[in-house]
Amino acid sequence: MKYYLSEMEMNITETKKSTDLRMQKTIESIKFELSKVRTGRAHVGILDQIQVDYYGSLTSINQLATISLIDSRTLGVQPFEKKMISVIEKAILESNLGVNPLSQSDIIRIPMPVLTEERRKEMVKIVKGEAEGSKIAIRNIRRDANESLKKLLKEKTISEDDERRAQDDVQKMTDNFIKQIDRLLAEKEKEILTI
C-alpha cells in the first residue's frame, strides 16, 4: 500500500525541509568563517581562502600543493610544480594573514607568530561578531518559515493547529541551530585564548 502525503502535509514538509536546509548552510558558512580565524596554532585550513594565479586562472593553494603540519606552530607547503614556489610564497605574503613564509628548496615553511593577549581579545570579538551574524541569519530564516506557514493558513491550505505545530517545530529547529552556533563559538574562543 502506497502512502501519499496530502497537499497540506506536503506544504508543511517542504517549508520545514527548506528551513532546515537554509539553516544547515548558515552553520556551514560560520564553520568556514571561523576556520579562517588564526589562533596562533598552525592548521592547514588557514590557507584555504588564498588564491594563486596559476596559468591565468585563480586557484586555491590546496589544489597546487600539499599542505601539512610540520609542528604545532609551523605549516609546510610543498607545491606539485617547483616553479610555483615563488608565486605561492608571494600570495601567502599578500594574504593579510600576518605570517612570513620562508622557502627552503622545494618546501615553503610558514611559522605562525605567537598572538599577544590584546590580539587574542580582538580575535574573540571578531569571532563573537561572526556568531551573532549567524544567529541573526538563523532567526531571519525562522521568520521566513513562519511567514510561509501564515500564508498557507491564510490560503486555507493548512489548519490553525497544523500551523501552530509547524511553528513549534520551526522554533525547535531554530533553538537547535542556535545551540550549534554557541558550541562552535565556545570551541573557537577556547582555541584562541589557549596559549
Protein backbone atom coordinates (compact mmCIF):
# COMPACT_ATOMS: atom_id res chain seq x y z
CA MET A 1 0.00 0.00 0.00
CA LYS A 2 1.44 3.35 -1.03
CA TYR A 3 1.17 6.31 1.27
CA TYR A 4 0.60 9.68 -0.33
CA LEU A 5 1.10 12.94 1.54
CA SER A 6 -1.79 15.33 1.38
CA GLU A 7 -1.19 18.78 -0.12
CA MET A 8 -1.28 20.24 3.40
CA GLU A 9 1.38 17.83 4.72
CA MET A 10 3.45 18.42 1.59
CA ASN A 11 3.46 22.22 2.07
CA ILE A 12 4.39 21.95 5.75
CA THR A 13 7.05 19.32 4.98
CA GLU A 14 8.52 21.43 2.16
CA THR A 15 8.60 24.51 4.38
CA LYS A 16 10.37 22.62 7.18
CA LYS A 17 12.80 20.93 4.78
CA SER A 18 13.67 24.24 3.12
CA THR A 19 14.12 25.90 6.53
CA ASP A 20 16.39 23.09 7.75
CA LEU A 21 18.48 23.25 4.57
CA ARG A 22 18.94 27.03 4.82
CA MET A 23 19.89 26.77 8.50
CA GLN A 24 22.40 23.99 7.68
CA LYS A 25 24.00 26.29 5.10
CA THR A 26 24.31 29.00 7.74
CA ILE A 27 26.15 26.54 10.02
CA GLU A 28 28.48 25.53 7.17
CA SER A 29 29.13 29.20 6.48
CA ILE A 30 30.08 30.04 10.08
CA LYS A 31 32.30 26.94 10.28
CA PHE A 32 34.13 28.19 7.19
CA GLU A 33 34.42 31.74 8.56
CA LEU A 34 35.70 30.51 11.92
CA SER A 35 38.27 28.28 10.24
CA LYS A 36 39.83 31.39 8.68
CA VAL A 37 40.46 33.00 12.09
CA ARG A 38 44.07 32.49 13.12
CA THR A 39 44.61 31.14 16.62
CA GLY A 40 48.39 31.12 16.94
CA ARG A 41 48.48 27.40 16.29
CA ALA A 42 49.09 26.12 12.80
CA HIS A 43 46.24 24.41 10.96
CA VAL A 44 46.05 23.57 7.27
CA GLY A 45 42.64 25.24 6.77
CA ILE A 46 44.12 28.69 7.33
CA LEU A 47 45.35 28.79 3.72
CA ASP A 48 42.05 27.66 2.14
CA GLN A 49 40.91 31.13 1.07
CA ILE A 50 44.22 32.10 -0.56
CA GLN A 51 44.10 32.09 -4.35
CA VAL A 52 47.15 31.85 -6.63
CA ASP A 53 47.43 32.88 -10.28
CA TYR A 54 48.00 29.51 -11.98
CA TYR A 55 48.41 29.95 -15.75
CA GLY A 56 45.87 32.78 -15.84
CA SER A 57 43.22 31.38 -13.52
CA LEU A 58 42.85 31.84 -9.77
CA THR A 59 43.34 28.53 -7.99
CA SER A 60 43.38 27.57 -4.30
CA ILE A 61 46.77 26.73 -2.84
CA ASN A 62 45.49 23.33 -1.70
CA GLN A 63 44.96 22.40 -5.37
CA LEU A 64 48.55 23.31 -6.25
CA ALA A 65 50.42 21.93 -3.25
CA THR A 66 50.39 19.55 -0.34
CA ILE A 67 49.79 21.46 2.90
CA SER A 68 50.94 19.78 6.11
CA LEU A 69 51.73 20.49 9.74
CA ILE A 70 55.46 20.45 10.43
CA ASP A 71 54.85 21.13 14.13
CA SER A 72 52.16 22.86 16.22
CA ARG A 73 53.30 26.33 15.08
CA THR A 74 54.58 25.66 11.55
CA LEU A 75 52.87 24.78 8.28
CA GLY A 76 54.62 23.22 5.32
CA VAL A 77 53.51 23.90 1.75
CA GLN A 78 55.04 21.67 -0.91
CA PRO A 79 53.98 22.70 -4.43
CA PHE A 80 53.44 19.99 -7.04
CA GLU A 81 55.40 22.15 -9.50
CA LYS A 82 58.66 23.61 -8.22
CA LYS A 83 58.27 26.81 -10.27
CA MET A 84 55.11 27.67 -8.26
CA ILE A 85 57.09 28.15 -5.01
CA SER A 86 57.68 31.89 -5.52
CA VAL A 87 54.10 32.50 -6.73
CA ILE A 88 52.59 30.69 -3.72
CA GLU A 89 55.01 32.41 -1.32
CA LYS A 90 54.03 35.82 -2.72
CA ALA A 91 50.29 35.01 -2.44
CA ILE A 92 50.74 33.98 1.22
CA LEU A 93 52.67 37.19 1.97
CA GLU A 94 49.94 39.33 0.38
CA SER A 95 47.11 37.41 2.06
CA ASN A 96 46.85 39.57 5.20
CA LEU A 97 47.29 36.56 7.50
CA GLY A 98 50.20 38.21 9.25
CA VAL A 99 52.60 35.36 8.50
CA ASN A 100 56.04 35.36 6.92
CA PRO A 101 56.61 32.32 4.66
CA LEU A 102 60.17 31.04 4.17
CA SER A 103 61.06 28.87 1.18
CA GLN A 104 63.62 26.11 1.64
CA SER A 105 64.46 24.18 -1.54
CA ASP A 106 61.11 22.57 -2.52
CA ILE A 107 59.01 23.46 0.55
CA ILE A 108 57.61 26.69 1.98
CA ARG A 109 57.69 26.84 5.78
CA ILE A 110 55.12 29.12 7.42
CA PRO A 111 55.79 29.77 11.12
CA MET A 112 52.75 31.07 13.00
CA PRO A 113 53.62 34.08 15.15
CA VAL A 114 52.55 33.99 18.78
CA LEU A 115 49.44 36.11 19.39
CA THR A 116 49.56 38.81 22.06
CA GLU A 117 46.86 38.90 24.74
CA GLU A 118 45.41 42.06 23.18
CA ARG A 119 45.28 40.45 19.72
CA ARG A 120 43.60 37.35 21.17
CA LYS A 121 40.87 39.52 22.71
CA GLU A 122 40.36 41.27 19.35
CA MET A 123 40.06 37.88 17.64
CA VAL A 124 37.44 36.79 20.21
CA LYS A 125 35.42 39.95 19.42
CA ILE A 126 35.62 39.14 15.70
CA VAL A 127 34.51 35.55 16.32
CA LYS A 128 31.61 36.70 18.53
CA GLY A 129 30.53 39.09 15.77
CA GLU A 130 30.54 36.24 13.24
CA ALA A 131 28.48 34.09 15.61
CA GLU A 132 25.97 36.88 16.23
CA GLY A 133 25.61 37.42 12.47
CA SER A 134 24.89 33.72 12.03
CA LYS A 135 22.29 33.75 14.81
CA ILE A 136 20.57 36.69 13.11
CA ALA A 137 20.59 34.73 9.83
CA ILE A 138 19.01 31.72 11.60
CA ARG A 139 16.30 33.94 13.13
CA ASN A 140 15.60 35.51 9.73
CA ILE A 141 15.17 32.04 8.25
CA ARG A 142 12.74 31.22 11.11
CA ARG A 143 10.79 34.42 10.34
CA ASP A 144 10.59 33.46 6.63
CA ALA A 145 9.34 29.97 7.53
CA ASN A 146 6.70 31.36 9.89
CA GLU A 147 5.55 33.80 7.20
CA SER A 148 5.24 30.91 4.74
CA LEU A 149 3.16 28.98 7.27
CA LYS A 150 0.92 32.03 7.90
CA LYS A 151 0.47 32.37 4.16
CA LEU A 152 -0.58 28.71 3.93
CA LEU A 153 -3.06 29.32 6.77
CA LYS A 154 -4.42 32.43 5.07
CA GLU A 155 -4.89 30.46 1.83
CA LYS A 156 -6.69 27.84 3.95
CA THR A 157 -4.24 25.18 2.78
CA ILE A 158 -3.50 24.23 6.41
CA SER A 159 -5.44 24.43 9.67
CA GLU A 160 -4.58 26.68 12.64
CA ASP A 161 -3.49 23.64 14.66
CA ASP A 162 -1.18 22.47 11.87
CA GLU A 163 0.28 25.95 11.56
CA ARG A 164 0.91 26.16 15.32
CA ARG A 165 2.53 22.70 15.39
CA ALA A 166 4.70 23.56 12.38
CA GLN A 167 5.76 26.86 14.00
CA ASP A 168 6.70 24.93 17.15
CA ASP A 169 8.81 22.57 15.02
CA VAL A 170 10.49 25.53 13.31
CA GLN A 171 11.22 27.06 16.73
CA LYS A 172 12.79 23.78 17.93
CA MET A 173 14.90 23.74 14.77
CA THR A 174 15.94 27.35 15.41
CA ASP A 175 16.89 26.61 19.03
CA ASN A 176 18.94 23.60 17.92
CA PHE A 177 20.89 25.60 15.33
CA ILE A 178 21.47 28.49 17.77
CA LYS A 179 22.93 25.94 20.23
CA GLN A 180 25.23 24.64 17.47
CA ILE A 181 26.47 28.19 16.84
CA ASP A 182 27.05 28.72 20.58
CA ARG A 183 29.01 25.46 20.72
CA LEU A 184 31.15 26.44 17.70
CA LEU A 185 31.77 29.86 19.26
CA ALA A 186 32.79 28.37 22.62
CA GLU A 187 35.22 25.96 20.91
CA LYS A 188 36.79 28.74 18.84
CA GLU A 189 37.05 31.10 21.83
CA LYS A 190 38.82 28.38 23.83
CA GLU A 191 41.15 27.71 20.88
CA ILE A 192 42.01 31.43 20.55
CA LEU A 193 42.56 32.02 24.25
CA THR A 194 44.63 28.87 24.84
CA ILE A 195 48.30 29.76 24.76
